[in-house]
Amino acid sequence: PGKQREWVAHITSDGTINYADSVKGRFTISRDNAKNTVYLQMRS
């Protein structure tokens, strides 16, 4: 609320993953192309 949109994480089709510093070590992104689904596991 009241803030600009912030990039969190992405994953490419060849498996390259990047995270924003604010979530690194706490969030995990993954993709399952067979299920046409991308996940964001958020901890802590």
ModelCIF file with pLDDT and N, C-alpha, C, O atoms, coordinates in Angstrom:
data_MODEL
#
_entry.id   MODEL 
#
_entity.id                         1 
_entity.type                       polymer 
_entity.pdbx_number_of_molecules   1 
#
_entity_poly.entity_id                      1 
_entity_poly.type                           'polypeptide(L)' 
_entity_poly.nstd_linkage                   no 
_entity_poly.nstd_monomer                   no 
_entity_poly.pdbx_seq_one_letter_code       PGKQREWVAHITSDGTINYADSVKGRFTISRDNAKNTVYLQMRS 
_entity_poly.pdbx_seq_one_letter_code_can   PGKQREWVAHITSDGTINYADSVKGRFTISRDNAKNTVYLQMRS 
_entity_poly.pdbx_strand_id                 A 
#
loop_
_entity_poly_seq.entity_id 
_entity_poly_seq.num 
_entity_poly_seq.mon_id 
_entity_poly_seq.hetero 
1 1  PRO n 
1 2  GLY n 
1 3  LYS n 
1 4  GLN n 
1 5  ARG n 
1 6  GLU n 
1 7  TRP n 
1 8  VAL n 
1 9  ALA n 
1 10 HIS n 
1 11 ILE n 
1 12 THR n 
1 13 SER n 
1 14 ASP n 
1 15 GLY n 
1 16 THR n 
1 17 ILE n 
1 18 ASN n 
1 19 TYR n 
1 20 ALA n 
1 21 ASP n 
1 22 SER n 
1 23 VAL n 
1 24 LYS n 
1 25 GLY n 
1 26 ARG n 
1 27 PHE n 
1 28 THR n 
1 29 ILE n 
1 30 SER n 
1 31 ARG n 
1 32 ASP n 
1 33 ASN n 
1 34 ALA n 
1 35 LYS n 
1 36 ASN n 
1 37 THR n 
1 38 VAL n 
1 39 TYR n 
1 40 LEU n 
1 41 GLN n 
1 42 MET n 
1 43 ARG n 
1 44 SER n 
#
_struct_asym.id          A 
_struct_asym.entity_id   1 
#
loop_
_ma_qa_metric.id 
_ma_qa_metric.mode 
_ma_qa_metric.name 
_ma_qa_metric.software_group_id 
_ma_qa_metric.type 
1 global pLDDT . pLDDT 
2 local  pLDDT . pLDDT 
#
_ma_qa_metric_global.metric_id      1 
_ma_qa_metric_global.metric_value   96.57 
_ma_qa_metric_global.model_id       1 
_ma_qa_metric_global.ordinal_id     1 
#
loop_
_ma_qa_metric_local.label_asym_id 
_ma_qa_metric_local.label_comp_id 
_ma_qa_metric_local.label_seq_id 
_ma_qa_metric_local.metric_id 
_ma_qa_metric_local.metric_value 
_ma_qa_metric_local.model_id 
_ma_qa_metric_local.ordinal_id 
A PRO 1  2 91.00 1 1  
A GLY 2  2 94.00 1 2  
A LYS 3  2 96.00 1 3  
A GLN 4  2 97.00 1 4  
A ARG 5  2 97.00 1 5  
A GLU 6  2 97.00 1 6  
A TRP 7  2 98.00 1 7  
A VAL 8  2 98.00 1 8  
A ALA 9  2 98.00 1 9  
A HIS 10 2 98.00 1 10 
A ILE 11 2 97.00 1 11 
A THR 12 2 96.00 1 12 
A SER 13 2 93.00 1 13 
A ASP 14 2 93.00 1 14 
A GLY 15 2 92.00 1 15 
A THR 16 2 97.00 1 16 
A ILE 17 2 98.00 1 17 
A ASN 18 2 98.00 1 18 
A TYR 19 2 98.00 1 19 
A ALA 20 2 98.00 1 20 
A ASP 21 2 98.00 1 21 
A SER 22 2 97.00 1 22 
A VAL 23 2 98.00 1 23 
A LYS 24 2 98.00 1 24 
A GLY 25 2 98.00 1 25 
A ARG 26 2 98.00 1 26 
A PHE 27 2 98.00 1 27 
A THR 28 2 98.00 1 28 
A ILE 29 2 98.00 1 29 
A SER 30 2 97.00 1 30 
A ARG 31 2 96.00 1 31 
A ASP 32 2 95.00 1 32 
A ASN 33 2 92.00 1 33 
A ALA 34 2 94.00 1 34 
A LYS 35 2 95.00 1 35 
A ASN 36 2 94.00 1 36 
A THR 37 2 96.00 1 37 
A VAL 38 2 97.00 1 38 
A TYR 39 2 98.00 1 39 
A LEU 40 2 98.00 1 40 
A GLN 41 2 98.00 1 41 
A MET 42 2 98.00 1 42 
A ARG 43 2 98.00 1 43 
A SER 44 2 98.00 1 44 
#
loop_
_atom_site.group_PDB 
_atom_site.id 
_atom_site.type_symbol 
_atom_site.label_atom_id 
_atom_site.label_alt_id 
_atom_site.label_comp_id 
_atom_site.label_asym_id 
_atom_site.label_entity_id 
_atom_site.label_seq_id 
_atom_site.pdbx_PDB_ins_code 
_atom_site.Cartn_x 
_atom_site.Cartn_y 
_atom_site.Cartn_z 
_atom_site.occupancy 
_atom_site.B_iso_or_equiv 
_atom_site.pdbx_formal_charge 
_atom_site.auth_seq_id 
_atom_site.auth_comp_id 
_atom_site.auth_asym_id 
_atom_site.auth_atom_id 
_atom_site.pdbx_PDB_model_num 
ATOM 1   N N  . PRO A 1 1  ? 0.820  -1.207  0.000   1.00 91.00 ? 1  PRO A N  1 
ATOM 2   C CA . PRO A 1 1  ? 0.000  0.000   0.000   1.00 91.00 ? 1  PRO A CA 1 
ATOM 3   C C  . PRO A 1 1  ? 0.859  1.265   0.000   1.00 91.00 ? 1  PRO A C  1 
ATOM 4   O O  . PRO A 1 1  ? 1.761  1.423   0.823   1.00 91.00 ? 1  PRO A O  1 
ATOM 5   N N  . GLY A 1 2  ? 0.560  2.154   -0.937  1.00 94.00 ? 2  GLY A N  1 
ATOM 6   C CA . GLY A 1 2  ? 1.267  3.420   -1.003  1.00 94.00 ? 2  GLY A CA 1 
ATOM 7   C C  . GLY A 1 2  ? 2.665  3.349   -1.571  1.00 94.00 ? 2  GLY A C  1 
ATOM 8   O O  . GLY A 1 2  ? 3.390  4.344   -1.564  1.00 94.00 ? 2  GLY A O  1 
ATOM 9   N N  . LYS A 1 3  ? 3.057  2.177   -2.067  1.00 96.00 ? 3  LYS A N  1 
ATOM 10  C CA . LYS A 1 3  ? 4.401  2.016   -2.618  1.00 96.00 ? 3  LYS A CA 1 
ATOM 11  C C  . LYS A 1 3  ? 4.353  1.587   -4.074  1.00 96.00 ? 3  LYS A C  1 
ATOM 12  O O  . LYS A 1 3  ? 3.326  1.125   -4.570  1.00 96.00 ? 3  LYS A O  1 
ATOM 13  N N  . GLN A 1 4  ? 5.483  1.748   -4.748  1.00 97.00 ? 4  GLN A N  1 
ATOM 14  C CA . GLN A 1 4  ? 5.584  1.325   -6.136  1.00 97.00 ? 4  GLN A CA 1 
ATOM 15  C C  . GLN A 1 4  ? 5.697  -0.197  -6.214  1.00 97.00 ? 4  GLN A C  1 
ATOM 16  O O  . GLN A 1 4  ? 6.104  -0.859  -5.260  1.00 97.00 ? 4  GLN A O  1 
ATOM 17  N N  . ARG A 1 5  ? 5.329  -0.725  -7.368  1.00 97.00 ? 5  ARG A N  1 
ATOM 18  C CA . ARG A 1 5  ? 5.463  -2.158  -7.577  1.00 97.00 ? 5  ARG A CA 1 
ATOM 19  C C  . ARG A 1 5  ? 6.932  -2.537  -7.514  1.00 97.00 ? 5  ARG A C  1 
ATOM 20  O O  . ARG A 1 5  ? 7.784  -1.851  -8.079  1.00 97.00 ? 5  ARG A O  1 
ATOM 21  N N  . GLU A 1 6  ? 7.221  -3.620  -6.833  1.00 97.00 ? 6  GLU A N  1 
ATOM 22  C CA . GLU A 1 6  ? 8.592  -4.080  -6.606  1.00 97.00 ? 6  GLU A CA 1 
ATOM 23  C C  . GLU A 1 6  ? 8.773  -5.470  -7.194  1.00 97.00 ? 6  GLU A C  1 
ATOM 24  O O  . GLU A 1 6  ? 7.973  -6.371  -6.942  1.00 97.00 ? 6  GLU A O  1 
ATOM 25  N N  . TRP A 1 7  ? 9.820  -5.634  -7.969  1.00 98.00 ? 7  TRP A N  1 
ATOM 26  C CA . TRP A 1 7  ? 10.134 -6.956  -8.505  1.00 98.00 ? 7  TRP A CA 1 
ATOM 27  C C  . TRP A 1 7  ? 10.622 -7.866  -7.365  1.00 98.00 ? 7  TRP A C  1 
ATOM 28  O O  . TRP A 1 7  ? 11.392 -7.430  -6.510  1.00 98.00 ? 7  TRP A O  1 
ATOM 29  N N  . VAL A 1 8  ? 10.170 -9.135  -7.356  1.00 98.00 ? 8  VAL A N  1 
ATOM 30  C CA . VAL A 1 8  ? 10.504 -10.072 -6.291  1.00 98.00 ? 8  VAL A CA 1 
ATOM 31  C C  . VAL A 1 8  ? 11.465 -11.164 -6.766  1.00 98.00 ? 8  VAL A C  1 
ATOM 32  O O  . VAL A 1 8  ? 12.514 -11.388 -6.161  1.00 98.00 ? 8  VAL A O  1 
ATOM 33  N N  . ALA A 1 9  ? 11.093 -11.839 -7.859  1.00 98.00 ? 9  ALA A N  1 
ATOM 34  C CA . ALA A 1 9  ? 11.907 -12.962 -8.315  1.00 98.00 ? 9  ALA A CA 1 
ATOM 35  C C  . ALA A 1 9  ? 11.481 -13.351 -9.711  1.00 98.00 ? 9  ALA A C  1 
ATOM 36  O O  . ALA A 1 9  ? 10.364 -13.055 -10.134 1.00 98.00 ? 9  ALA A O  1 
ATOM 37  N N  . HIS A 1 10 ? 12.381 -14.023 -10.436 1.00 98.00 ? 10 HIS A N  1 
ATOM 38  C CA . HIS A 1 10 ? 11.985 -14.609 -11.700 1.00 98.00 ? 10 HIS A CA 1 
ATOM 39  C C  . HIS A 1 10 ? 12.760 -15.886 -11.965 1.00 98.00 ? 10 HIS A C  1 
ATOM 40  O O  . HIS A 1 10 ? 13.813 -16.139 -11.379 1.00 98.00 ? 10 HIS A O  1 
ATOM 41  N N  . ILE A 1 11 ? 12.209 -16.676 -12.859 1.00 97.00 ? 11 ILE A N  1 
ATOM 42  C CA . ILE A 1 11 ? 12.839 -17.922 -13.295 1.00 97.00 ? 11 ILE A CA 1 
ATOM 43  C C  . ILE A 1 11 ? 12.665 -18.026 -14.796 1.00 97.00 ? 11 ILE A C  1 
ATOM 44  O O  . ILE A 1 11 ? 11.574 -17.799 -15.319 1.00 97.00 ? 11 ILE A O  1 
ATOM 45  N N  . THR A 1 12 ? 13.736 -18.368 -15.488 1.00 96.00 ? 12 THR A N  1 
ATOM 46  C CA . THR A 1 12 ? 13.660 -18.504 -16.932 1.00 96.00 ? 12 THR A CA 1 
ATOM 47  C C  . THR A 1 12 ? 13.358 -19.947 -17.315 1.00 96.00 ? 12 THR A C  1 
ATOM 48  O O  . THR A 1 12 ? 13.402 -20.849 -16.478 1.00 96.00 ? 12 THR A O  1 
ATOM 49  N N  . SER A 1 13 ? 13.056 -20.148 -18.575 1.00 93.00 ? 13 SER A N  1 
ATOM 50  C CA . SER A 1 13 ? 12.720 -21.495 -19.038 1.00 93.00 ? 13 SER A CA 1 
ATOM 51  C C  . SER A 1 13 ? 13.925 -22.420 -19.005 1.00 93.00 ? 13 SER A C  1 
ATOM 52  O O  . SER A 1 13 ? 13.766 -23.640 -19.017 1.00 93.00 ? 13 SER A O  1 
ATOM 53  N N  . ASP A 1 14 ? 15.138 -21.853 -18.964 1.00 93.00 ? 14 ASP A N  1 
ATOM 54  C CA . ASP A 1 14 ? 16.329 -22.710 -18.846 1.00 93.00 ? 14 ASP A CA 1 
ATOM 55  C C  . ASP A 1 14 ? 16.823 -22.803 -17.409 1.00 93.00 ? 14 ASP A C  1 
ATOM 56  O O  . ASP A 1 14 ? 17.920 -23.296 -17.150 1.00 93.00 ? 14 ASP A O  1 
ATOM 57  N N  . GLY A 1 15 ? 15.985 -22.315 -16.459 1.00 92.00 ? 15 GLY A N  1 
ATOM 58  C CA . GLY A 1 15 ? 16.269 -22.541 -15.049 1.00 92.00 ? 15 GLY A CA 1 
ATOM 59  C C  . GLY A 1 15 ? 17.058 -21.460 -14.336 1.00 92.00 ? 15 GLY A C  1 
ATOM 60  O O  . GLY A 1 15 ? 17.402 -21.632 -13.167 1.00 92.00 ? 15 GLY A O  1 
ATOM 61  N N  . THR A 1 16 ? 17.355 -20.364 -14.993 1.00 97.00 ? 16 THR A N  1 
ATOM 62  C CA . THR A 1 16 ? 18.064 -19.275 -14.318 1.00 97.00 ? 16 THR A CA 1 
ATOM 63  C C  . THR A 1 16 ? 17.111 -18.567 -13.369 1.00 97.00 ? 16 THR A C  1 
ATOM 64  O O  . THR A 1 16 ? 15.995 -18.206 -13.741 1.00 97.00 ? 16 THR A O  1 
ATOM 65  N N  . ILE A 1 17 ? 17.568 -18.374 -12.141 1.00 98.00 ? 17 ILE A N  1 
ATOM 66  C CA . ILE A 1 17 ? 16.729 -17.778 -11.091 1.00 98.00 ? 17 ILE A CA 1 
ATOM 67  C C  . ILE A 1 17 ? 17.420 -16.551 -10.511 1.00 98.00 ? 17 ILE A C  1 
ATOM 68  O O  . ILE A 1 17 ? 18.634 -16.544 -10.304 1.00 98.00 ? 17 ILE A O  1 
ATOM 69  N N  . ASN A 1 18 ? 16.637 -15.528 -10.255 1.00 98.00 ? 18 ASN A N  1 
ATOM 70  C CA . ASN A 1 18 ? 17.135 -14.338 -9.578  1.00 98.00 ? 18 ASN A CA 1 
ATOM 71  C C  . ASN A 1 18 ? 16.107 -13.857 -8.558  1.00 98.00 ? 18 ASN A C  1 
ATOM 72  O O  . ASN A 1 18 ? 14.900 -13.997 -8.752  1.00 98.00 ? 18 ASN A O  1 
ATOM 73  N N  . TYR A 1 19 ? 16.618 -13.287 -7.464  1.00 98.00 ? 19 TYR A N  1 
ATOM 74  C CA . TYR A 1 19 ? 15.772 -12.774 -6.394  1.00 98.00 ? 19 TYR A CA 1 
ATOM 75  C C  . TYR A 1 19 ? 16.149 -11.337 -6.052  1.00 98.00 ? 19 TYR A C  1 
ATOM 76  O O  . TYR A 1 19 ? 17.296 -10.920 -6.208  1.00 98.00 ? 19 TYR A O  1 
ATOM 77  N N  . ALA A 1 20 ? 15.153 -10.597 -5.583  1.00 98.00 ? 20 ALA A N  1 
ATOM 78  C CA . ALA A 1 20 ? 15.444 -9.300  -4.994  1.00 98.00 ? 20 ALA A CA 1 
ATOM 79  C C  . ALA A 1 20 ? 16.192 -9.523  -3.680  1.00 98.00 ? 20 ALA A C  1 
ATOM 80  O O  . ALA A 1 20 ? 15.968 -10.518 -2.992  1.00 98.00 ? 20 ALA A O  1 
ATOM 81  N N  . ASP A 1 21 ? 17.067 -8.605  -3.343  1.00 98.00 ? 21 ASP A N  1 
ATOM 82  C CA . ASP A 1 21 ? 17.848 -8.744  -2.108  1.00 98.00 ? 21 ASP A CA 1 
ATOM 83  C C  . ASP A 1 21 ? 16.937 -8.856  -0.886  1.00 98.00 ? 21 ASP A C  1 
ATOM 84  O O  . ASP A 1 21 ? 17.285 -9.521  0.090   1.00 98.00 ? 21 ASP A O  1 
ATOM 85  N N  . SER A 1 22 ? 15.790 -8.217  -0.935  1.00 97.00 ? 22 SER A N  1 
ATOM 86  C CA . SER A 1 22 ? 14.888 -8.190  0.215   1.00 97.00 ? 22 SER A CA 1 
ATOM 87  C C  . SER A 1 22 ? 14.269 -9.549  0.521   1.00 97.00 ? 22 SER A C  1 
ATOM 88  O O  . SER A 1 22 ? 13.755 -9.759  1.619   1.00 97.00 ? 22 SER A O  1 
ATOM 89  N N  . VAL A 1 23 ? 14.311 -10.471 -0.434  1.00 98.00 ? 23 VAL A N  1 
ATOM 90  C CA . VAL A 1 23 ? 13.688 -11.785 -0.216  1.00 98.00 ? 23 VAL A CA 1 
ATOM 91  C C  . VAL A 1 23 ? 14.684 -12.925 -0.345  1.00 98.00 ? 23 VAL A C  1 
ATOM 92  O O  . VAL A 1 23 ? 14.334 -14.079 -0.095  1.00 98.00 ? 23 VAL A O  1 
ATOM 93  N N  . LYS A 1 24 ? 15.904 -12.626 -0.726  1.00 98.00 ? 24 LYS A N  1 
ATOM 94  C CA . LYS A 1 24 ? 16.901 -13.670 -0.949  1.00 98.00 ? 24 LYS A CA 1 
ATOM 95  C C  . LYS A 1 24 ? 17.123 -14.464 0.328   1.00 98.00 ? 24 LYS A C  1 
ATOM 96  O O  . LYS A 1 24 ? 17.289 -13.889 1.403   1.00 98.00 ? 24 LYS A O  1 
ATOM 97  N N  . GLY A 1 25 ? 17.125 -15.787 0.207   1.00 98.00 ? 25 GLY A N  1 
ATOM 98  C CA . GLY A 1 25 ? 17.310 -16.657 1.360   1.00 98.00 ? 25 GLY A CA 1 
ATOM 99  C C  . GLY A 1 25 ? 16.020 -17.013 2.070   1.00 98.00 ? 25 GLY A C  1 
ATOM 100 O O  . GLY A 1 25 ? 16.002 -17.912 2.911   1.00 98.00 ? 25 GLY A O  1 
ATOM 101 N N  . ARG A 1 26 ? 14.929 -16.313 1.740   1.00 98.00 ? 26 ARG A N  1 
ATOM 102 C CA . ARG A 1 26 ? 13.634 -16.598 2.387   1.00 98.00 ? 26 ARG A CA 1 
ATOM 103 C C  . ARG A 1 26 ? 12.588 -17.103 1.390   1.00 98.00 ? 26 ARG A C  1 
ATOM 104 O O  . ARG A 1 26 ? 11.719 -17.899 1.746   1.00 98.00 ? 26 ARG A O  1 
ATOM 105 N N  . PHE A 1 27 ? 12.676 -16.637 0.143   1.00 98.00 ? 27 PHE A N  1 
ATOM 106 C CA . PHE A 1 27 ? 11.705 -17.024 -0.885  1.00 98.00 ? 27 PHE A CA 1 
ATOM 107 C C  . PHE A 1 27 ? 12.362 -17.954 -1.889  1.00 98.00 ? 27 PHE A C  1 
ATOM 108 O O  . PHE A 1 27 ? 13.557 -17.849 -2.165  1.00 98.00 ? 27 PHE A O  1 
ATOM 109 N N  . THR A 1 28 ? 11.565 -18.866 -2.433  1.00 98.00 ? 28 THR A N  1 
ATOM 110 C CA . THR A 1 28 ? 12.040 -19.784 -3.458  1.00 98.00 ? 28 THR A CA 1 
ATOM 111 C C  . THR A 1 28 ? 11.037 -19.821 -4.598  1.00 98.00 ? 28 THR A C  1 
ATOM 112 O O  . THR A 1 28 ? 9.857  -20.098 -4.385  1.00 98.00 ? 28 THR A O  1 
ATOM 113 N N  . ILE A 1 29 ? 11.501 -19.544 -5.796  1.00 98.00 ? 29 ILE A N  1 
ATOM 114 C CA . ILE A 1 29 ? 10.646 -19.601 -6.968  1.00 98.00 ? 29 ILE A CA 1 
ATOM 115 C C  . ILE A 1 29 ? 10.919 -20.893 -7.728  1.00 98.00 ? 29 ILE A C  1 
ATOM 116 O O  . ILE A 1 29 ? 12.053 -21.367 -7.788  1.00 98.00 ? 29 ILE A O  1 
ATOM 117 N N  . SER A 1 30 ? 9.871  -21.448 -8.303  1.00 97.00 ? 30 SER A N  1 
ATOM 118 C CA . SER A 1 30 ? 10.029 -22.654 -9.128  1.00 97.00 ? 30 SER A CA 1 
ATOM 119 C C  . SER A 1 30 ? 8.931  -22.648 -10.183 1.00 97.00 ? 30 SER A C  1 
ATOM 120 O O  . SER A 1 30 ? 7.931  -21.939 -10.067 1.00 97.00 ? 30 SER A O  1 
ATOM 121 N N  . ARG A 1 31 ? 9.144  -23.450 -11.201 1.00 96.00 ? 31 ARG A N  1 
ATOM 122 C CA . ARG A 1 31 ? 8.126  -23.568 -12.246 1.00 96.00 ? 31 ARG A CA 1 
ATOM 123 C C  . ARG A 1 31 ? 7.974  -25.022 -12.634 1.00 96.00 ? 31 ARG A C  1 
ATOM 124 O O  . ARG A 1 31 ? 8.947  -25.776 -12.669 1.00 96.00 ? 31 ARG A O  1 
ATOM 125 N N  . ASP A 1 32 ? 6.748  -25.406 -12.922 1.00 95.00 ? 32 ASP A N  1 
ATOM 126 C CA . ASP A 1 32 ? 6.431  -26.753 -13.379 1.00 95.00 ? 32 ASP A CA 1 
ATOM 127 C C  . ASP A 1 32 ? 5.718  -26.586 -14.711 1.00 95.00 ? 32 ASP A C  1 
ATOM 128 O O  . ASP A 1 32 ? 4.510  -26.358 -14.757 1.00 95.00 ? 32 ASP A O  1 
ATOM 129 N N  . ASN A 1 33 ? 6.471  -26.699 -15.779 1.00 92.00 ? 33 ASN A N  1 
ATOM 130 C CA . ASN A 1 33 ? 5.872  -26.476 -17.104 1.00 92.00 ? 33 ASN A CA 1 
ATOM 131 C C  . ASN A 1 33 ? 4.808  -27.521 -17.421 1.00 92.00 ? 33 ASN A C  1 
ATOM 132 O O  . ASN A 1 33 ? 3.854  -27.227 -18.142 1.00 92.00 ? 33 ASN A O  1 
ATOM 133 N N  . ALA A 1 34 ? 4.952  -28.716 -16.902 1.00 94.00 ? 34 ALA A N  1 
ATOM 134 C CA . ALA A 1 34 ? 3.963  -29.768 -17.163 1.00 94.00 ? 34 ALA A CA 1 
ATOM 135 C C  . ALA A 1 34 ? 2.606  -29.395 -16.559 1.00 94.00 ? 34 ALA A C  1 
ATOM 136 O O  . ALA A 1 34 ? 1.557  -29.771 -17.083 1.00 94.00 ? 34 ALA A O  1 
ATOM 137 N N  . LYS A 1 35 ? 2.645  -28.648 -15.446 1.00 95.00 ? 35 LYS A N  1 
ATOM 138 C CA . LYS A 1 35 ? 1.412  -28.209 -14.801 1.00 95.00 ? 35 LYS A CA 1 
ATOM 139 C C  . LYS A 1 35 ? 1.070  -26.765 -15.145 1.00 95.00 ? 35 LYS A C  1 
ATOM 140 O O  . LYS A 1 35 ? 0.083  -26.218 -14.652 1.00 95.00 ? 35 LYS A O  1 
ATOM 141 N N  . ASN A 1 36 ? 1.884  -26.158 -15.987 1.00 94.00 ? 36 ASN A N  1 
ATOM 142 C CA . ASN A 1 36 ? 1.666  -24.753 -16.377 1.00 94.00 ? 36 ASN A CA 1 
ATOM 143 C C  . ASN A 1 36 ? 1.548  -23.843 -15.164 1.00 94.00 ? 36 ASN A C  1 
ATOM 144 O O  . ASN A 1 36 ? 0.691  -22.961 -15.114 1.00 94.00 ? 36 ASN A O  1 
ATOM 145 N N  . THR A 1 37 ? 2.420  -24.070 -14.188 1.00 96.00 ? 37 THR A N  1 
ATOM 146 C CA . THR A 1 37 ? 2.313  -23.361 -12.914 1.00 96.00 ? 37 THR A CA 1 
ATOM 147 C C  . THR A 1 37 ? 3.685  -22.900 -12.430 1.00 96.00 ? 37 THR A C  1 
ATOM 148 O O  . THR A 1 37 ? 4.689  -23.600 -12.564 1.00 96.00 ? 37 THR A O  1 
ATOM 149 N N  . VAL A 1 38 ? 3.688  -21.705 -11.865 1.00 97.00 ? 38 VAL A N  1 
ATOM 150 C CA . VAL A 1 38 ? 4.867  -21.149 -11.215 1.00 97.00 ? 38 VAL A CA 1 
ATOM 151 C C  . VAL A 1 38 ? 4.528  -20.971 -9.735  1.00 97.00 ? 38 VAL A C  1 
ATOM 152 O O  . VAL A 1 38 ? 3.415  -20.582 -9.381  1.00 97.00 ? 38 VAL A O  1 
ATOM 153 N N  . TYR A 1 39 ? 5.506  -21.263 -8.881  1.00 98.00 ? 39 TYR A N  1 
ATOM 154 C CA . TYR A 1 39 ? 5.287  -21.189 -7.442  1.00 98.00 ? 39 TYR A CA 1 
ATOM 155 C C  . TYR A 1 39 ? 6.238  -20.177 -6.810  1.00 98.00 ? 39 TYR A C  1 
ATOM 156 O O  . TYR A 1 39 ? 7.335  -19.921 -7.307  1.00 98.00 ? 39 TYR A O  1 
ATOM 157 N N  . LEU A 1 40 ? 5.779  -19.620 -5.709  1.00 98.00 ? 40 LEU A N  1 
ATOM 158 C CA . LEU A 1 40 ? 6.650  -18.789 -4.881  1.00 98.00 ? 40 LEU A CA 1 
ATOM 159 C C  . LEU A 1 40 ? 6.479  -19.260 -3.442  1.00 98.00 ? 40 LEU A C  1 
ATOM 160 O O  . LEU A 1 40 ? 5.475  -18.962 -2.796  1.00 98.00 ? 40 LEU A O  1 
ATOM 161 N N  . GLN A 1 41 ? 7.472  -19.999 -2.948  1.00 98.00 ? 41 GLN A N  1 
ATOM 162 C CA . GLN A 1 41 ? 7.467  -20.453 -1.564  1.00 98.00 ? 41 GLN A CA 1 
ATOM 163 C C  . GLN A 1 41 ? 8.069  -19.343 -0.713  1.00 98.00 ? 41 GLN A C  1 
ATOM 164 O O  . GLN A 1 41 ? 9.205  -18.926 -0.939  1.00 98.00 ? 41 GLN A O  1 
ATOM 165 N N  . MET A 1 42 ? 7.312  -18.870 0.259   1.00 98.00 ? 42 MET A N  1 
ATOM 166 C CA . MET A 1 42 ? 7.755  -17.753 1.099   1.00 98.00 ? 42 MET A CA 1 
ATOM 167 C C  . MET A 1 42 ? 7.881  -18.233 2.541   1.00 98.00 ? 42 MET A C  1 
ATOM 168 O O  . MET A 1 42 ? 6.926  -18.761 3.109   1.00 98.00 ? 42 MET A O  1 
ATOM 169 N N  . ARG A 1 43 ? 9.049  -18.049 3.125   1.00 98.00 ? 43 ARG A N  1 
ATOM 170 C CA . ARG A 1 43 ? 9.312  -18.461 4.506   1.00 98.00 ? 43 ARG A CA 1 
ATOM 171 C C  . ARG A 1 43 ? 9.806  -17.272 5.306   1.00 98.00 ? 43 ARG A C  1 
ATOM 172 O O  . ARG A 1 43 ? 10.195 -16.244 4.751   1.00 98.00 ? 43 ARG A O  1 
ATOM 173 N N  . SER A 1 44 ? 9.784  -17.431 6.616   1.00 98.00 ? 44 SER A N  1 
ATOM 174 C CA . SER A 1 44 ? 10.257 -16.371 7.526   1.00 98.00 ? 44 SER A CA 1 
ATOM 175 C C  . SER A 1 44 ? 9.648  -15.025 7.141   1.00 98.00 ? 44 SER A C  1 
ATOM 176 O O  . SER A 1 44 ? 9.925  -14.014 7.787   1.00 98.00 ? 44 SER A O  1 
#
